[in-house]
Amino acid sequence: MRKFLLAASLLGFTLHASAADLLDTVKQRGTLKIAVEGTYPPFNYKENNELTGFEVELAKALAQKLGVKAEFSTSEWSAMLAGLQAGKYDIVINQVGITDKRKETFDFSEPYTISSPQLIVRSNETRSFKNLDDLKGKKLGLGQGTNYADIAKAVGGIDVKTYPGSQEYLQDLALGRIDAALNDSLLIPFIVKKTKLPLKAGAPLGDLEKSGIPFVKGNPKFKASLNKALADLQADGSFTKISKKWFDRDVSKPPVAQ
């Protein structure tokens, strides 16, 4: 009986040791299966029924560096990581924050975006708003349903105005009805460009948040190749070119005031 158990144990070890790394699977298949929401501009969304956006272009470039084709699937955010764990796709590129909790289940690439909450001010603003304390006694606009209201109200003394969306509070900011607005640093260049209003990014606030590309644990060759592909895109200028197209800056670097 002991010999049988030992043999079974050794067989299990052999099977585990010979299990293909995700890189081998991807190379053999010839495609990299990628999940995105497809409804999250400017990161990934559909235009004329075609997927586009920063993360779509980045995913295609990464697949090319790996020598395979990008194959996209769209999924609701609530089911995306569960689908990754179940093997429905190889990676997720959808602004997945790198957290200790998620790292218990998944491995991550090196970060490809770094963001933080950031103020938005008028282009001709002469007052210095370096932090939320500087906005005490002032009016601050932000979107309904975000956690930014809690952040601002915790400071105290700020007249917080909530709006249905960014277009409404940016319009009020441009007209001088509020003194500043607050949003994620990655979204500010996109929404300012879209509205064509005389606004700019102000001071970044709070902790930096890093997003990476998650995949199932136990694939060291894939992790090394994915990180190399990211590094190669940064080294040859491709990442910066894609990033500036969508955000007017390199989003792999911490945000700064304009």
Protein backbone atom coordinates (compact mmCIF):
# COMPACT_ATOMS: atom_id res chain seq x y z
CA MET A 1 0.00 0.00 0.00
CA ARG A 2 2.82 2.38 0.87
CA LYS A 3 4.53 1.59 -2.44
CA PHE A 4 1.29 2.34 -4.26
CA LEU A 5 0.91 5.67 -2.47
CA LEU A 6 4.52 6.56 -3.15
CA ALA A 7 4.15 5.69 -6.82
CA ALA A 8 0.97 7.74 -7.06
CA SER A 9 2.69 10.64 -5.34
CA LEU A 10 5.64 10.51 -7.71
CA LEU A 11 3.30 10.29 -10.70
CA GLY A 12 1.43 13.35 -9.49
CA PHE A 13 4.72 15.21 -9.07
CA THR A 14 5.82 14.22 -12.58
CA LEU A 15 2.55 15.37 -14.11
CA HIS A 16 2.75 18.67 -12.24
CA ALA A 17 6.37 19.20 -13.20
CA SER A 18 5.65 18.54 -16.85
CA ALA A 19 2.57 20.78 -17.00
CA ALA A 20 2.98 23.31 -19.78
CA ASP A 21 3.79 26.87 -18.87
CA LEU A 22 1.21 29.34 -20.21
CA LEU A 23 3.86 30.67 -22.58
CA ASP A 24 4.12 27.25 -24.26
CA THR A 25 0.33 27.04 -24.56
CA VAL A 26 0.08 30.52 -26.06
CA LYS A 27 2.92 29.88 -28.52
CA GLN A 28 1.48 26.54 -29.61
CA ARG A 29 -2.00 28.02 -30.03
CA GLY A 30 -0.69 31.09 -31.83
CA THR A 31 -3.03 33.45 -30.00
CA LEU A 32 -3.08 35.36 -26.73
CA LYS A 33 -6.59 35.28 -25.26
CA ILE A 34 -7.35 38.67 -23.69
CA ALA A 35 -10.35 39.82 -21.67
CA VAL A 36 -11.55 43.44 -21.62
CA GLU A 37 -14.84 45.08 -20.68
CA GLY A 38 -15.22 46.77 -24.04
CA THR A 39 -17.27 49.55 -22.42
CA TYR A 40 -14.55 51.53 -20.65
CA PRO A 41 -13.26 54.49 -22.72
CA PRO A 42 -10.54 55.47 -23.28
CA PHE A 43 -9.06 52.16 -22.11
CA ASN A 44 -11.19 49.72 -24.10
CA TYR A 45 -14.48 50.31 -25.88
CA LYS A 46 -16.26 49.76 -29.17
CA GLU A 47 -16.33 52.29 -31.99
CA ASN A 48 -18.17 51.35 -35.19
CA ASN A 49 -18.52 47.87 -33.65
CA GLU A 50 -14.73 47.48 -33.40
CA LEU A 51 -12.76 47.29 -30.16
CA THR A 52 -10.41 50.22 -29.69
CA GLY A 53 -8.72 52.16 -26.91
CA PHE A 54 -5.41 52.37 -25.11
CA GLU A 55 -5.49 48.87 -23.66
CA VAL A 56 -6.62 47.30 -26.93
CA GLU A 57 -3.67 48.84 -28.77
CA LEU A 58 -1.31 47.86 -25.94
CA ALA A 59 -2.60 44.27 -25.95
CA LYS A 60 -2.07 43.96 -29.70
CA ALA A 61 1.48 45.30 -29.36
CA LEU A 62 2.25 42.86 -26.52
CA ALA A 63 0.89 39.91 -28.51
CA GLN A 64 3.07 40.94 -31.45
CA LYS A 65 6.14 41.02 -29.20
CA LEU A 66 5.25 37.50 -28.03
CA GLY A 67 4.98 36.39 -31.65
CA VAL A 68 1.25 35.60 -31.55
CA LYS A 69 -2.08 37.24 -32.43
CA ALA A 70 -4.35 39.02 -29.96
CA GLU A 71 -7.75 37.37 -29.47
CA PHE A 72 -10.22 39.50 -27.49
CA SER A 73 -13.21 38.56 -25.36
CA THR A 74 -15.49 41.05 -23.64
CA SER A 75 -16.78 40.43 -20.13
CA GLU A 76 -18.51 42.30 -17.36
CA TRP A 77 -16.05 43.42 -14.72
CA SER A 78 -17.87 41.44 -12.01
CA ALA A 79 -17.14 38.15 -13.80
CA MET A 80 -13.78 38.96 -15.36
CA LEU A 81 -11.32 37.70 -12.75
CA ALA A 82 -13.41 34.59 -12.09
CA GLY A 83 -13.27 33.86 -15.82
CA LEU A 84 -9.50 34.29 -15.78
CA GLN A 85 -9.19 31.84 -12.89
CA ALA A 86 -11.41 29.37 -14.77
CA GLY A 87 -9.14 29.51 -17.82
CA LYS A 88 -11.52 31.30 -20.19
CA TYR A 89 -8.68 33.60 -21.23
CA ASP A 90 -4.96 34.01 -20.63
CA ILE A 91 -4.82 37.58 -19.33
CA VAL A 92 -7.00 40.53 -18.41
CA ILE A 93 -6.09 44.05 -19.55
CA ASN A 94 -8.69 46.24 -17.90
CA GLN A 95 -7.10 48.56 -15.33
CA VAL A 96 -6.79 45.80 -12.75
CA GLY A 97 -5.23 47.30 -9.64
CA ILE A 98 -2.32 45.35 -8.18
CA THR A 99 -3.39 44.56 -4.62
CA ASP A 100 -2.12 42.12 -2.00
CA LYS A 101 -5.51 40.39 -2.00
CA ARG A 102 -5.47 39.80 -5.75
CA LYS A 103 -1.84 38.67 -5.62
CA GLU A 104 -2.97 35.77 -3.44
CA THR A 105 -4.80 34.37 -6.48
CA PHE A 106 -3.00 35.78 -9.52
CA ASP A 107 0.44 36.75 -10.72
CA PHE A 108 0.82 40.22 -12.26
CA SER A 109 3.00 41.84 -14.86
CA GLU A 110 4.97 44.93 -13.99
CA PRO A 111 2.64 47.96 -13.71
CA TYR A 112 1.73 49.62 -17.01
CA THR A 113 -0.29 52.51 -15.56
CA ILE A 114 0.23 54.60 -12.43
CA SER A 115 -2.54 56.92 -11.32
CA SER A 116 -3.95 58.85 -8.40
CA PRO A 117 -6.84 61.22 -7.70
CA GLN A 118 -6.02 64.57 -9.33
CA LEU A 119 -7.47 68.05 -9.35
CA ILE A 120 -8.72 69.75 -12.51
CA VAL A 121 -8.50 73.54 -12.74
CA ARG A 122 -9.05 76.27 -15.31
CA SER A 123 -6.20 76.84 -17.75
CA ASN A 124 -5.76 80.43 -16.53
CA GLU A 125 -6.00 79.58 -12.81
CA THR A 126 -3.56 81.71 -10.77
CA ARG A 127 -4.43 80.40 -7.32
CA SER A 128 -2.32 77.55 -5.94
CA PHE A 129 -4.30 74.42 -5.05
CA LYS A 130 -1.62 71.97 -3.99
CA ASN A 131 -3.87 69.79 -1.84
CA LEU A 132 -7.44 69.53 -0.58
CA ASP A 133 -6.69 71.78 2.39
CA ASP A 134 -6.17 74.62 -0.09
CA LEU A 135 -9.78 74.14 -1.20
CA LYS A 136 -11.32 74.87 2.18
CA GLY A 137 -14.00 77.51 1.66
CA LYS A 138 -14.00 76.70 -2.09
CA LYS A 139 -16.35 74.70 -4.34
CA LEU A 140 -15.17 71.30 -5.59
CA GLY A 141 -17.02 69.37 -8.31
CA LEU A 142 -17.01 65.62 -8.78
CA GLY A 143 -19.11 62.78 -10.14
CA GLN A 144 -21.90 61.08 -8.24
CA GLY A 145 -21.18 57.62 -6.90
CA THR A 146 -17.40 58.03 -6.63
CA ASN A 147 -15.36 57.73 -3.45
CA TYR A 148 -13.91 61.18 -4.10
CA ALA A 149 -16.77 62.79 -2.20
CA ASP A 150 -15.79 60.87 0.93
CA ILE A 151 -12.15 61.92 0.49
CA ALA A 152 -13.09 65.59 0.14
CA LYS A 153 -15.65 65.60 2.96
CA ALA A 154 -13.13 64.00 5.32
CA VAL A 155 -10.99 67.13 5.01
CA GLY A 156 -13.85 69.38 6.10
CA GLY A 157 -14.64 72.91 5.03
CA ILE A 158 -14.91 72.13 1.31
CA ASP A 159 -18.18 72.84 -0.48
CA VAL A 160 -18.55 69.55 -2.37
CA LYS A 161 -20.81 69.64 -5.43
CA THR A 162 -21.79 66.33 -7.07
CA TYR A 163 -22.80 65.97 -10.71
CA PRO A 164 -24.26 63.20 -12.91
CA GLY A 165 -21.09 63.09 -15.00
CA SER A 166 -17.81 64.75 -15.85
CA GLN A 167 -19.22 66.87 -18.68
CA GLU A 168 -21.51 68.72 -16.27
CA TYR A 169 -18.90 69.60 -13.65
CA LEU A 170 -16.26 70.45 -16.22
CA GLN A 171 -18.70 72.87 -17.84
CA ASP A 172 -19.36 74.53 -14.47
CA LEU A 173 -15.63 74.67 -13.78
CA ALA A 174 -14.94 76.38 -17.10
CA LEU A 175 -17.70 78.91 -16.34
CA GLY A 176 -16.27 79.66 -12.87
CA ARG A 177 -19.22 78.22 -10.95
CA ILE A 178 -16.87 75.93 -9.03
CA ASP A 179 -13.19 76.36 -8.17
CA ALA A 180 -11.83 72.91 -9.04
CA ALA A 181 -12.88 69.37 -9.89
CA LEU A 182 -11.54 65.94 -8.97
CA ASN A 183 -11.15 62.76 -11.00
CA ASP A 184 -8.71 59.92 -11.71
CA SER A 185 -5.48 61.25 -13.21
CA LEU A 186 -5.66 58.84 -16.15
CA LEU A 187 -9.07 60.06 -17.25
CA ILE A 188 -8.37 63.80 -17.05
CA PRO A 189 -6.48 64.26 -20.37
CA PHE A 190 -9.14 62.26 -22.22
CA ILE A 191 -12.17 64.07 -20.81
CA VAL A 192 -10.57 67.53 -21.09
CA LYS A 193 -9.69 66.85 -24.74
CA LYS A 194 -13.18 65.50 -25.42
CA THR A 195 -14.96 68.54 -23.95
CA LYS A 196 -12.50 71.04 -25.55
CA LEU A 197 -12.83 73.30 -22.52
CA PRO A 198 -10.04 75.62 -21.23
CA LEU A 199 -9.02 73.30 -18.40
CA LYS A 200 -5.88 71.46 -17.27
CA ALA A 201 -4.71 68.87 -14.76
CA GLY A 202 -3.92 70.26 -11.31
CA ALA A 203 -2.13 68.72 -8.36
CA PRO A 204 -2.20 64.94 -7.88
CA LEU A 205 -3.59 63.84 -4.51
CA GLY A 206 -3.44 60.75 -2.36
CA ASP A 207 -1.72 57.42 -2.85
CA LEU A 208 -0.50 56.14 -6.19
CA GLU A 209 -2.45 53.23 -7.67
CA LYS A 210 -0.71 50.76 -9.99
CA SER A 211 -2.45 48.56 -12.56
CA GLY A 212 -0.94 45.45 -14.12
CA ILE A 213 -1.88 42.43 -16.21
CA PRO A 214 -3.08 39.44 -14.13
CA PHE A 215 -2.75 35.78 -15.13
CA VAL A 216 -2.96 32.42 -13.40
CA LYS A 217 -0.15 31.63 -10.97
CA GLY A 218 2.54 29.07 -11.74
CA ASN A 219 3.65 30.36 -15.16
CA PRO A 220 7.15 31.77 -14.64
CA LYS A 221 8.17 31.65 -18.32
CA PHE A 222 5.04 33.52 -19.34
CA LYS A 223 5.59 36.13 -16.63
CA ALA A 224 9.18 36.72 -17.74
CA SER A 225 8.18 36.96 -21.41
CA LEU A 226 5.26 39.30 -20.71
CA ASN A 227 7.45 41.62 -18.64
CA LYS A 228 10.12 41.54 -21.35
CA ALA A 229 7.51 42.43 -23.97
CA LEU A 230 6.39 45.40 -21.84
CA ALA A 231 10.00 46.50 -21.32
CA ASP A 232 10.74 46.19 -25.05
CA LEU A 233 7.69 48.35 -25.90
CA GLN A 234 8.94 51.00 -23.50
CA ALA A 235 12.51 50.78 -24.77
CA ASP A 236 11.60 51.16 -28.46
CA GLY A 237 9.16 54.02 -27.81
CA SER A 238 6.03 52.09 -28.79
CA PHE A 239 4.46 52.32 -25.34
CA THR A 240 4.99 56.07 -25.14
CA LYS A 241 3.51 56.53 -28.62
CA ILE A 242 0.36 54.57 -27.74
CA SER A 243 0.06 56.28 -24.36
CA LYS A 244 0.42 59.81 -25.73
CA LYS A 245 -2.18 59.08 -28.40
CA TRP A 246 -4.81 58.46 -25.71
CA PHE A 247 -3.58 60.47 -22.72
CA ASP A 248 -1.06 63.06 -23.99
CA ARG A 249 1.53 61.63 -21.59
CA ASP A 250 3.30 58.44 -20.54
CA VAL A 251 0.85 56.79 -18.13
CA SER A 252 3.49 54.40 -16.80
CA LYS A 253 4.92 57.41 -14.92
CA PRO A 254 3.31 59.07 -11.85
CA PRO A 255 0.92 61.97 -12.65
CA VAL A 256 2.07 65.59 -12.37
CA ALA A 257 0.31 68.95 -12.52
CA GLN A 258 0.36 70.70 -15.89
